[in-house]
Amino acid sequence: MKSLVKITKLFLGVVAALLVVGMTTTSFASSHYKYRITRTAFDKVSVGSNNGNGGTSLKQLEKDFGSPKLKSSRTVDNVRATMLVYSGVDNDKNAAAIVELINNKVIYKELTGYQYTRKAVASLNDFNNKLTVNKTTYQEALKEFGKPDEYSVSTQNGTKVISAVWSSNLKHSAKAKATMTLQFDNDVLVNKSQVSME
């Protein structure tokens, strides 16, 4: 099954893409919108298969998080896809939680703009020696480096895909911000890259 919605890693890119591709409906929350979503709660949202099986329901999302800041829908290959954007994760106006739904079930989720406040502890040496492609698991990476600042989760052709980015706990020079990006297929590391780590 073809990917129904192409979602970028940047929050503004996501919103711009939704508005450009011709959504059939778009609605905004009222000016009285209040932040209700937390990182802990969003981490628990389940991502289902391409048709939504096993994903958290729209009803549950509404119960847990209230109305989204942005709601957009479109139809692709006769299948209706809905995207919800919740801003203000943990009351941070720069952090957003994004979900895509098919059959009112989550098939994709993304946390963007989130940044932990924690001591820089992971070094380039850690990146090179503590992460082994086709061996290191997602849980092992979490244990070693803590939760990623940003991430996305989807299911592609039966494979659970996690793309995770760390930026707040990395050793780097004062001249450049460092990032570490890891991709996991079925919870096993398949690709790793870093920028400006020392």
N, C-alpha and C. Protein backbone atom coordinates (compact mmCIF):
# COMPACT_ATOMS: atom_id res chain seq x y z
N MET A 1 0.84 -1.20 0.00
CA MET A 1 0.00 0.00 0.00
C MET A 1 0.87 1.24 0.00
N LYS A 2 0.56 2.18 -0.87
CA LYS A 2 1.35 3.40 -0.96
C LYS A 2 1.17 4.25 0.28
N SER A 3 2.22 4.98 0.61
CA SER A 3 2.11 5.90 1.75
C SER A 3 1.03 6.92 1.45
N LEU A 4 0.12 7.11 2.41
CA LEU A 4 -1.01 8.00 2.18
C LEU A 4 -0.67 9.45 2.40
N VAL A 5 0.25 9.72 3.29
CA VAL A 5 0.60 11.12 3.58
C VAL A 5 2.10 11.21 3.78
N LYS A 6 2.74 12.15 3.10
CA LYS A 6 4.17 12.38 3.28
C LYS A 6 4.34 13.47 4.33
N ILE A 7 4.98 13.11 5.46
CA ILE A 7 5.10 14.06 6.56
C ILE A 7 6.56 14.44 6.74
N THR A 8 6.85 15.72 6.74
CA THR A 8 8.21 16.18 6.92
C THR A 8 8.58 16.20 8.39
N LYS A 9 9.86 16.42 8.67
CA LYS A 9 10.34 16.46 10.04
C LYS A 9 10.19 17.82 10.68
N LEU A 10 9.86 18.83 9.90
CA LEU A 10 9.71 20.16 10.45
C LEU A 10 8.25 20.51 10.60
N PHE A 11 7.88 21.06 11.75
CA PHE A 11 6.48 21.38 12.02
C PHE A 11 5.90 22.31 10.96
N LEU A 12 6.61 23.36 10.58
CA LEU A 12 6.09 24.28 9.57
C LEU A 12 5.94 23.60 8.23
N GLY A 13 6.86 22.69 7.93
CA GLY A 13 6.75 21.94 6.69
C GLY A 13 5.52 21.07 6.67
N VAL A 14 5.18 20.48 7.80
CA VAL A 14 3.99 19.65 7.90
C VAL A 14 2.75 20.48 7.62
N VAL A 15 2.61 21.60 8.31
CA VAL A 15 1.42 22.43 8.16
C VAL A 15 1.32 22.97 6.73
N ALA A 16 2.44 23.44 6.18
CA ALA A 16 2.43 23.99 4.83
C ALA A 16 2.01 22.93 3.82
N ALA A 17 2.53 21.72 3.98
CA ALA A 17 2.20 20.64 3.04
C ALA A 17 0.72 20.32 3.10
N LEU A 18 0.16 20.30 4.29
CA LEU A 18 -1.26 19.99 4.43
C LEU A 18 -2.12 21.03 3.73
N LEU A 19 -1.75 22.29 3.83
CA LEU A 19 -2.55 23.35 3.24
C LEU A 19 -2.41 23.39 1.72
N VAL A 20 -1.25 22.98 1.21
CA VAL A 20 -1.00 23.04 -0.22
C VAL A 20 -1.65 21.89 -0.99
N VAL A 21 -1.67 20.68 -0.41
CA VAL A 21 -2.13 19.52 -1.16
C VAL A 21 -3.64 19.44 -1.33
N GLY A 22 -4.37 20.41 -0.81
CA GLY A 22 -5.81 20.44 -1.06
C GLY A 22 -6.61 19.57 -0.13
N MET A 23 -6.53 19.83 1.15
CA MET A 23 -7.32 19.07 2.11
C MET A 23 -8.80 19.34 1.90
N THR A 24 -9.63 18.33 2.13
CA THR A 24 -11.06 18.49 1.94
C THR A 24 -11.69 19.24 3.10
N THR A 25 -11.09 19.15 4.28
CA THR A 25 -11.59 19.93 5.42
C THR A 25 -10.43 20.40 6.26
N THR A 26 -10.57 21.58 6.79
CA THR A 26 -9.57 22.11 7.71
C THR A 26 -10.30 22.90 8.78
N SER A 27 -10.00 22.60 10.05
CA SER A 27 -10.64 23.35 11.12
C SER A 27 -9.63 23.68 12.19
N PHE A 28 -9.76 24.84 12.77
CA PHE A 28 -8.85 25.28 13.83
C PHE A 28 -9.59 25.34 15.16
N ALA A 29 -8.85 25.06 16.20
CA ALA A 29 -9.43 25.15 17.54
C ALA A 29 -9.69 26.61 17.88
N SER A 30 -10.50 26.83 18.90
CA SER A 30 -10.83 28.20 19.28
C SER A 30 -9.64 28.90 19.91
N SER A 31 -9.78 30.21 20.07
CA SER A 31 -8.71 30.99 20.68
C SER A 31 -8.53 30.63 22.16
N HIS A 32 -9.46 29.87 22.69
CA HIS A 32 -9.37 29.45 24.09
C HIS A 32 -8.67 28.10 24.25
N TYR A 33 -8.00 27.68 23.18
CA TYR A 33 -7.28 26.41 23.21
C TYR A 33 -6.31 26.36 24.39
N LYS A 34 -6.33 25.25 25.10
CA LYS A 34 -5.42 25.07 26.23
C LYS A 34 -4.58 23.83 26.00
N TYR A 35 -3.31 23.92 26.38
CA TYR A 35 -2.41 22.80 26.21
C TYR A 35 -2.77 21.69 27.20
N ARG A 36 -3.02 20.51 26.66
CA ARG A 36 -3.38 19.39 27.52
C ARG A 36 -2.47 18.19 27.31
N ILE A 37 -1.64 18.24 26.30
CA ILE A 37 -0.87 17.05 25.94
C ILE A 37 0.49 17.06 26.61
N THR A 38 0.89 15.92 27.12
CA THR A 38 2.20 15.76 27.75
C THR A 38 3.03 14.77 26.95
N ARG A 39 4.33 14.87 27.10
CA ARG A 39 5.24 13.94 26.42
C ARG A 39 4.97 12.52 26.88
N THR A 40 4.78 12.34 28.17
CA THR A 40 4.54 10.99 28.71
C THR A 40 3.30 10.37 28.10
N ALA A 41 2.23 11.15 28.00
CA ALA A 41 0.98 10.63 27.43
C ALA A 41 1.14 10.34 25.94
N PHE A 42 1.82 11.22 25.22
CA PHE A 42 1.98 11.02 23.77
C PHE A 42 2.84 9.80 23.48
N ASP A 43 3.84 9.56 24.31
CA ASP A 43 4.68 8.37 24.12
C ASP A 43 3.85 7.09 24.16
N LYS A 44 2.72 7.12 24.85
CA LYS A 44 1.88 5.92 25.01
C LYS A 44 0.90 5.71 23.86
N VAL A 45 0.78 6.69 22.96
CA VAL A 45 -0.11 6.53 21.82
C VAL A 45 0.39 5.40 20.94
N SER A 46 -0.48 4.45 20.60
CA SER A 46 -0.10 3.29 19.80
C SER A 46 -0.27 3.57 18.32
N VAL A 47 0.71 3.11 17.54
CA VAL A 47 0.66 3.24 16.08
C VAL A 47 0.26 1.89 15.50
N GLY A 48 -0.79 1.89 14.69
CA GLY A 48 -1.28 0.66 14.11
C GLY A 48 -0.70 0.37 12.74
N SER A 49 -1.29 -0.62 12.08
CA SER A 49 -0.87 -0.99 10.74
C SER A 49 -1.36 0.04 9.73
N ASN A 50 -1.09 -0.18 8.44
CA ASN A 50 -1.48 0.78 7.41
C ASN A 50 -2.97 1.08 7.37
N ASN A 51 -3.79 0.13 7.82
CA ASN A 51 -5.24 0.38 7.84
C ASN A 51 -5.75 0.78 9.22
N GLY A 52 -4.82 0.98 10.14
CA GLY A 52 -5.19 1.46 11.47
C GLY A 52 -5.32 0.40 12.54
N ASN A 53 -5.34 -0.87 12.16
CA ASN A 53 -5.48 -1.94 13.16
C ASN A 53 -4.42 -1.83 14.24
N GLY A 54 -4.85 -1.79 15.49
CA GLY A 54 -3.93 -1.71 16.62
C GLY A 54 -3.56 -0.31 17.03
N GLY A 55 -4.00 0.70 16.28
CA GLY A 55 -3.66 2.08 16.61
C GLY A 55 -4.64 2.69 17.60
N THR A 56 -4.16 3.67 18.36
CA THR A 56 -5.03 4.40 19.29
C THR A 56 -6.17 5.06 18.50
N SER A 57 -7.37 5.03 19.05
CA SER A 57 -8.54 5.55 18.34
C SER A 57 -8.65 7.07 18.46
N LEU A 58 -9.36 7.66 17.51
CA LEU A 58 -9.64 9.09 17.55
C LEU A 58 -10.40 9.44 18.82
N LYS A 59 -11.32 8.60 19.20
CA LYS A 59 -12.11 8.83 20.42
C LYS A 59 -11.20 8.91 21.64
N GLN A 60 -10.21 8.03 21.72
CA GLN A 60 -9.29 8.04 22.86
C GLN A 60 -8.41 9.29 22.83
N LEU A 61 -7.96 9.69 21.64
CA LEU A 61 -7.14 10.90 21.53
C LEU A 61 -7.92 12.12 22.02
N GLU A 62 -9.18 12.20 21.60
CA GLU A 62 -10.01 13.33 22.02
C GLU A 62 -10.24 13.33 23.52
N LYS A 63 -10.38 12.15 24.08
CA LYS A 63 -10.58 12.03 25.52
C LYS A 63 -9.32 12.46 26.27
N ASP A 64 -8.17 12.01 25.78
CA ASP A 64 -6.91 12.28 26.48
C ASP A 64 -6.38 13.70 26.25
N PHE A 65 -6.51 14.20 25.02
CA PHE A 65 -5.84 15.44 24.65
C PHE A 65 -6.77 16.59 24.28
N GLY A 66 -8.05 16.34 24.17
CA GLY A 66 -8.98 17.41 23.79
C GLY A 66 -8.90 17.70 22.30
N SER A 67 -9.30 18.91 21.93
CA SER A 67 -9.31 19.30 20.52
C SER A 67 -7.90 19.66 20.05
N PRO A 68 -7.54 19.24 18.84
CA PRO A 68 -6.21 19.60 18.32
C PRO A 68 -6.16 21.05 17.89
N LYS A 69 -4.96 21.58 17.75
CA LYS A 69 -4.79 22.94 17.25
C LYS A 69 -5.14 23.00 15.77
N LEU A 70 -4.86 21.92 15.05
CA LEU A 70 -5.15 21.86 13.62
C LEU A 70 -5.66 20.47 13.28
N LYS A 71 -6.70 20.42 12.47
CA LYS A 71 -7.24 19.14 12.00
C LYS A 71 -7.45 19.25 10.50
N SER A 72 -6.85 18.33 9.75
CA SER A 72 -6.95 18.36 8.30
C SER A 72 -7.20 16.96 7.76
N SER A 73 -7.97 16.88 6.68
CA SER A 73 -8.28 15.58 6.08
C SER A 73 -8.17 15.65 4.58
N ARG A 74 -7.85 14.51 3.97
CA ARG A 74 -7.85 14.40 2.52
C ARG A 74 -8.11 12.95 2.15
N THR A 75 -8.47 12.74 0.89
CA THR A 75 -8.73 11.39 0.41
C THR A 75 -7.68 11.03 -0.64
N VAL A 76 -7.02 9.88 -0.43
CA VAL A 76 -6.00 9.39 -1.35
C VAL A 76 -6.35 7.95 -1.69
N ASP A 77 -6.45 7.63 -2.98
CA ASP A 77 -6.79 6.28 -3.41
C ASP A 77 -8.06 5.79 -2.72
N ASN A 78 -9.04 6.69 -2.63
CA ASN A 78 -10.34 6.37 -2.02
C ASN A 78 -10.26 6.07 -0.53
N VAL A 79 -9.17 6.43 0.09
CA VAL A 79 -9.02 6.24 1.54
C VAL A 79 -8.87 7.62 2.19
N ARG A 80 -9.68 7.86 3.20
CA ARG A 80 -9.65 9.15 3.88
C ARG A 80 -8.61 9.14 5.01
N ALA A 81 -7.70 10.09 4.95
CA ALA A 81 -6.66 10.23 5.97
C ALA A 81 -6.88 11.54 6.72
N THR A 82 -6.72 11.50 8.02
CA THR A 82 -6.90 12.68 8.86
C THR A 82 -5.62 12.94 9.65
N MET A 83 -5.22 14.18 9.71
CA MET A 83 -4.05 14.55 10.50
C MET A 83 -4.46 15.53 11.60
N LEU A 84 -3.98 15.28 12.80
CA LEU A 84 -4.20 16.15 13.94
C LEU A 84 -2.87 16.70 14.42
N VAL A 85 -2.83 17.98 14.72
CA VAL A 85 -1.63 18.61 15.26
C VAL A 85 -1.97 19.21 16.62
N TYR A 86 -1.29 18.73 17.65
CA TYR A 86 -1.45 19.27 19.00
C TYR A 86 -0.19 20.07 19.33
N SER A 87 -0.35 21.35 19.61
CA SER A 87 0.82 22.16 19.96
C SER A 87 0.93 22.28 21.47
N GLY A 88 2.10 22.73 21.91
CA GLY A 88 2.30 22.96 23.34
C GLY A 88 2.50 21.72 24.17
N VAL A 89 3.26 20.75 23.65
CA VAL A 89 3.55 19.55 24.44
C VAL A 89 4.32 19.95 25.69
N ASP A 90 3.85 19.49 26.84
CA ASP A 90 4.44 19.88 28.14
C ASP A 90 4.48 21.40 28.29
N ASN A 91 3.46 22.08 27.72
CA ASN A 91 3.35 23.53 27.79
C ASN A 91 4.50 24.28 27.11
N ASP A 92 5.18 23.61 26.18
CA ASP A 92 6.22 24.25 25.37
C ASP A 92 5.59 24.62 24.03
N LYS A 93 5.47 25.89 23.75
CA LYS A 93 4.79 26.33 22.53
C LYS A 93 5.53 25.91 21.27
N ASN A 94 6.80 25.56 21.38
CA ASN A 94 7.58 25.13 20.21
C ASN A 94 7.45 23.65 19.91
N ALA A 95 6.89 22.89 20.85
CA ALA A 95 6.79 21.44 20.68
C ALA A 95 5.41 21.05 20.20
N ALA A 96 5.37 20.16 19.21
CA ALA A 96 4.09 19.73 18.66
C ALA A 96 4.04 18.21 18.54
N ALA A 97 2.85 17.67 18.76
CA ALA A 97 2.59 16.24 18.58
C ALA A 97 1.65 16.09 17.39
N ILE A 98 2.04 15.25 16.45
CA ILE A 98 1.30 15.08 15.21
C ILE A 98 0.89 13.62 15.06
N VAL A 99 -0.35 13.39 14.68
CA VAL A 99 -0.80 12.02 14.41
C VAL A 99 -1.54 12.00 13.08
N GLU A 100 -1.40 10.89 12.38
CA GLU A 100 -2.16 10.64 11.17
C GLU A 100 -3.05 9.43 11.43
N LEU A 101 -4.30 9.51 10.98
CA LEU A 101 -5.26 8.43 11.23
C LEU A 101 -5.90 7.93 9.94
N ILE A 102 -6.13 6.63 9.90
CA ILE A 102 -6.92 5.98 8.87
C ILE A 102 -7.99 5.17 9.61
N ASN A 103 -9.22 5.24 9.15
CA ASN A 103 -10.32 4.54 9.83
C ASN A 103 -10.40 4.94 11.30
N ASN A 104 -10.08 6.23 11.57
CA ASN A 104 -10.11 6.77 12.94
C ASN A 104 -9.16 6.07 13.90
N LYS A 105 -8.06 5.51 13.35
CA LYS A 105 -7.03 4.88 14.17
C LYS A 105 -5.66 5.44 13.75
N VAL A 106 -4.77 5.59 14.72
CA VAL A 106 -3.45 6.17 14.45
C VAL A 106 -2.58 5.21 13.64
N ILE A 107 -2.03 5.74 12.53
CA ILE A 107 -1.08 4.95 11.72
C ILE A 107 0.31 5.60 11.71
N TYR A 108 0.41 6.81 12.27
CA TYR A 108 1.69 7.54 12.30
C TYR A 108 1.64 8.53 13.44
N LYS A 109 2.78 8.69 14.12
CA LYS A 109 2.87 9.76 15.12
C LYS A 109 4.25 10.37 15.07
N GLU A 110 4.31 11.65 15.41
CA GLU A 110 5.57 12.38 15.39
C GLU A 110 5.59 13.43 16.49
N LEU A 111 6.71 13.53 17.16
CA LEU A 111 6.95 14.58 18.14
C LEU A 111 8.05 15.47 17.58
N THR A 112 7.76 16.75 17.43
CA THR A 112 8.74 17.66 16.83
C THR A 112 8.87 18.93 17.67
N GLY A 113 10.04 19.53 17.63
CA GLY A 113 10.26 20.78 18.36
C GLY A 113 10.48 20.60 19.85
N TYR A 114 10.54 19.35 20.31
CA TYR A 114 10.72 19.08 21.74
C TYR A 114 12.21 19.11 22.07
N GLN A 115 12.55 19.63 23.23
CA GLN A 115 13.95 19.69 23.65
C GLN A 115 14.03 19.47 25.15
N TYR A 116 14.75 18.42 25.53
CA TYR A 116 14.96 18.17 26.95
C TYR A 116 15.98 19.16 27.51
N THR A 117 15.91 19.37 28.81
CA THR A 117 16.95 20.10 29.53
C THR A 117 17.70 19.07 30.36
N ARG A 118 18.88 18.73 29.92
CA ARG A 118 19.68 17.72 30.61
C ARG A 118 21.15 17.91 30.27
N LYS A 119 21.98 17.37 31.10
CA LYS A 119 23.42 17.53 30.94
C LYS A 119 23.92 16.78 29.71
N ALA A 120 24.84 17.43 28.96
CA ALA A 120 25.43 16.77 27.80
C ALA A 120 26.36 15.66 28.26
N VAL A 121 26.03 14.43 27.88
CA VAL A 121 26.82 13.30 28.36
C VAL A 121 27.29 12.37 27.23
N ALA A 122 26.59 12.32 26.12
CA ALA A 122 26.94 11.39 25.05
C ALA A 122 27.99 11.99 24.13
N SER A 123 29.03 11.23 23.85
CA SER A 123 30.13 11.71 23.03
C SER A 123 30.18 11.00 21.68
N LEU A 124 31.04 11.48 20.81
CA LEU A 124 31.25 10.83 19.52
C LEU A 124 31.76 9.41 19.72
N ASN A 125 32.56 9.22 20.74
CA ASN A 125 33.06 7.89 21.06
C ASN A 125 31.89 6.96 21.43
N ASP A 126 30.94 7.47 22.19
CA ASP A 126 29.74 6.69 22.52
C ASP A 126 28.96 6.33 21.26
N PHE A 127 28.80 7.30 20.38
CA PHE A 127 28.09 7.07 19.13
C PHE A 127 28.76 5.97 18.32
N ASN A 128 30.10 6.03 18.24
CA ASN A 128 30.84 5.07 17.42
C ASN A 128 30.88 3.67 18.03
N ASN A 129 30.93 3.60 19.37
CA ASN A 129 31.19 2.31 20.00
C ASN A 129 30.01 1.67 20.73
N LYS A 130 28.96 2.44 21.00
CA LYS A 130 27.84 1.89 21.75
C LYS A 130 26.58 1.67 20.91
N LEU A 131 26.69 1.94 19.63
CA LEU A 131 25.57 1.74 18.72
C LEU A 131 26.02 0.87 17.56
N THR A 132 25.48 -0.32 17.47
CA THR A 132 25.87 -1.26 16.42
C THR A 132 24.69 -1.54 15.50
N VAL A 133 24.85 -1.19 14.23
CA VAL A 133 23.80 -1.43 13.25
C VAL A 133 23.49 -2.91 13.17
N ASN A 134 22.21 -3.24 13.07
CA ASN A 134 21.68 -4.61 13.01
C ASN A 134 21.85 -5.38 14.32
N LYS A 135 22.15 -4.66 15.40
CA LYS A 135 22.29 -5.32 16.69
C LYS A 135 21.63 -4.53 17.83
N THR A 136 22.00 -3.25 17.98
CA THR A 136 21.47 -2.44 19.07
C THR A 136 19.95 -2.30 18.95
N THR A 137 19.25 -2.49 20.06
CA THR A 137 17.79 -2.34 20.06
C THR A 137 17.41 -0.92 20.49
N TYR A 138 16.16 -0.57 20.23
CA TYR A 138 15.67 0.75 20.62
C TYR A 138 15.72 0.91 22.14
N GLN A 139 15.35 -0.12 22.86
CA GLN A 139 15.38 -0.06 24.33
C GLN A 139 16.80 0.12 24.85
N GLU A 140 17.76 -0.51 24.20
CA GLU A 140 19.16 -0.34 24.60
C GLU A 140 19.63 1.09 24.34
N ALA A 141 19.19 1.66 23.23
CA ALA A 141 19.55 3.05 22.93
C ALA A 141 18.93 4.00 23.96
N LEU A 142 17.69 3.73 24.34
CA LEU A 142 17.04 4.56 25.36
C LEU A 142 17.78 4.47 26.69
N LYS A 143 18.20 3.27 27.03
CA LYS A 143 18.92 3.07 28.29
C LYS A 143 20.26 3.80 28.27
N GLU A 144 20.91 3.81 27.14
CA GLU A 144 22.23 4.43 27.02
C GLU A 144 22.16 5.95 26.90
N PHE A 145 21.20 6.47 26.13
CA PHE A 145 21.18 7.89 25.81
C PHE A 145 19.96 8.64 26.34
N GLY A 146 19.03 7.95 26.96
CA GLY A 146 17.80 8.58 27.40
C GLY A 146 16.82 8.70 26.24
N LYS A 147 15.64 9.24 26.49
CA LYS A 147 14.64 9.39 25.43
C LYS A 147 15.11 10.40 24.39
N PRO A 148 14.77 10.18 23.12
CA PRO A 148 15.13 11.16 22.10
C PRO A 148 14.33 12.45 22.28
N ASP A 149 14.88 13.53 21.79
CA ASP A 149 14.16 14.80 21.86
C ASP A 149 12.98 14.79 20.89
N GLU A 150 13.20 14.28 19.71
CA GLU A 150 12.16 14.21 18.69
C GLU A 150 12.12 12.80 18.10
N TYR A 151 10.96 12.39 17.61
CA TYR A 151 10.87 11.06 17.00
C TYR A 151 9.61 10.94 16.16
N SER A 152 9.61 9.92 15.31
CA SER A 152 8.40 9.55 14.58
C SER A 152 8.30 8.03 14.58
N VAL A 153 7.05 7.54 14.51
CA VAL A 153 6.79 6.10 14.49
C VAL A 153 5.75 5.82 13.42
N SER A 154 6.02 4.82 12.58
CA SER A 154 5.05 4.41 11.56
C SER A 154 5.21 2.91 11.32
N THR A 155 4.27 2.36 10.56
CA THR A 155 4.38 0.97 10.12
C THR A 155 4.42 0.98 8.61
N GLN A 156 5.47 0.40 8.05
CA GLN A 156 5.64 0.38 6.60
C GLN A 156 5.81 -1.05 6.13
N ASN A 157 4.81 -1.52 5.36
CA ASN A 157 4.84 -2.90 4.86
C ASN A 157 5.07 -3.91 5.97
N GLY A 158 4.40 -3.70 7.08
CA GLY A 158 4.49 -4.61 8.21
C GLY A 158 5.68 -4.39 9.12
N THR A 159 6.52 -3.43 8.81
CA THR A 159 7.70 -3.13 9.61
C THR A 159 7.47 -1.87 10.44
N LYS A 160 7.69 -1.96 11.74
CA LYS A 160 7.60 -0.80 12.61
C LYS A 160 8.87 0.02 12.44
N VAL A 161 8.72 1.28 12.06
CA VAL A 161 9.87 2.15 11.79
C VAL A 161 9.87 3.30 12.79
N ILE A 162 10.98 3.44 13.51
CA ILE A 162 11.17 4.55 14.44
C ILE A 162 12.36 5.37 13.96
N SER A 163 12.14 6.66 13.79
CA SER A 163 13.23 7.58 13.49
C SER A 163 13.34 8.52 14.68
N ALA A 164 14.49 8.50 15.35
CA ALA A 164 14.65 9.25 16.60
C ALA A 164 15.86 10.18 16.52
N VAL A 165 15.68 11.38 17.07
CA VAL A 165 16.74 12.39 17.03
C VAL A 165 17.06 12.86 18.45
N TRP A 166 18.33 12.78 18.81
CA TRP A 166 18.82 13.30 20.09
C TRP A 166 19.59 14.58 19.80
N SER A 167 19.39 15.59 20.65
CA SER A 167 20.15 16.84 20.48
C SER A 167 20.51 17.49 21.80
N SER A 168 19.83 17.14 22.88
CA SER A 168 20.04 17.86 24.14
C SER A 168 21.05 17.20 25.07
N ASN A 169 21.54 16.03 24.73
CA ASN A 169 22.47 15.36 25.64
C ASN A 169 23.76 14.96 24.94
N LEU A 170 24.20 15.76 23.98
CA LEU A 170 25.36 15.41 23.18
C LEU A 170 26.52 16.37 23.41
N LYS A 171 27.72 15.83 23.49
CA LYS A 171 28.92 16.66 23.61
C LYS A 171 29.24 17.26 22.25
N HIS A 172 29.49 18.58 22.25
CA HIS A 172 29.77 19.27 20.99
C HIS A 172 30.53 20.54 21.28
N SER A 173 31.09 21.12 20.24
CA SER A 173 31.81 22.38 20.41
C SER A 173 30.79 23.51 20.58
N ALA A 174 31.26 24.63 21.08
CA ALA A 174 30.37 25.76 21.28
C ALA A 174 29.94 26.38 19.96
N LYS A 175 30.58 26.01 18.86
CA LYS A 175 30.32 26.61 17.56
C LYS A 175 29.17 25.95 16.80
N ALA A 176 28.81 24.73 17.17
CA ALA A 176 27.80 24.03 16.39
C ALA A 176 26.93 23.15 17.28
N LYS A 177 25.65 23.10 16.97
CA LYS A 177 24.73 22.22 17.68
C LYS A 177 24.87 20.81 17.14
N ALA A 178 24.90 19.85 18.02
CA ALA A 178 25.06 18.45 17.61
C ALA A 178 23.72 17.73 17.58
N THR A 179 23.61 16.78 16.68
CA THR A 179 22.44 15.90 16.62
C THR A 179 22.89 14.47 16.34
N MET A 180 22.10 13.55 16.82
CA MET A 180 22.32 12.13 16.55
C MET A 180 20.99 11.55 16.09
N THR A 181 20.97 10.97 14.91
CA THR A 181 19.74 10.42 14.35
C THR A 181 19.88 8.91 14.18
N LEU A 182 18.92 8.18 14.74
CA LEU A 182 18.94 6.72 14.67
C LEU A 182 17.62 6.22 14.09
N GLN A 183 17.70 5.24 13.20
CA GLN A 183 16.49 4.61 12.67
C GLN A 183 16.46 3.15 13.09
N PHE A 184 15.29 2.73 13.55
CA PHE A 184 15.09 1.36 13.99
C PHE A 184 13.96 0.72 13.18
N ASP A 185 14.20 -0.48 12.67
CA ASP A 185 13.15 -1.26 12.02
C ASP A 185 12.84 -2.43 12.95
N ASN A 186 11.57 -2.54 13.34
CA ASN A 186 11.18 -3.56 14.32
C ASN A 186 12.09 -3.54 15.54
N ASP A 187 12.38 -2.31 16.00
CA ASP A 187 13.14 -2.05 17.22
C ASP A 187 14.62 -2.40 17.15
N VAL A 188 15.16 -2.66 15.95
CA VAL A 188 16.59 -2.94 15.79
C VAL A 188 17.21 -1.84 14.93
N LEU A 189 18.35 -1.32 15.37
CA LEU A 189 19.01 -0.22 14.68
C LEU A 189 19.42 -0.62 13.26
N VAL A 190 19.01 0.19 12.27
CA VAL A 190 19.36 -0.09 10.88
C VAL A 190 20.17 1.04 10.25
N ASN A 191 20.16 2.20 10.88
CA ASN A 191 20.93 3.32 10.33
C ASN A 191 21.24 4.31 11.45
N LYS A 192 22.43 4.90 11.41
CA LYS A 192 22.79 5.91 12.38
C LYS A 192 23.60 7.00 11.70
N SER A 193 23.41 8.24 12.18
CA SER A 193 24.19 9.37 11.66
C SER A 193 24.29 10.43 12.75
N GLN A 194 25.31 11.26 12.66
CA GLN A 194 25.50 12.32 13.64
C GLN A 194 26.07 13.54 12.97
N VAL A 195 25.83 14.68 13.61
CA VAL A 195 26.36 15.95 13.12
C VAL A 195 26.99 16.69 14.29
N SER A 196 28.25 17.04 14.14
CA SER A 196 28.97 17.93 15.08
C SER A 196 29.18 17.34 16.47
N MET A 197 29.08 16.03 16.63
CA MET A 197 29.41 15.45 17.93
C MET A 197 30.92 15.41 18.14
N GLU A 198 31.33 15.50 19.42
CA GLU A 198 32.74 15.45 19.76
C GLU A 198 33.00 14.39 20.83
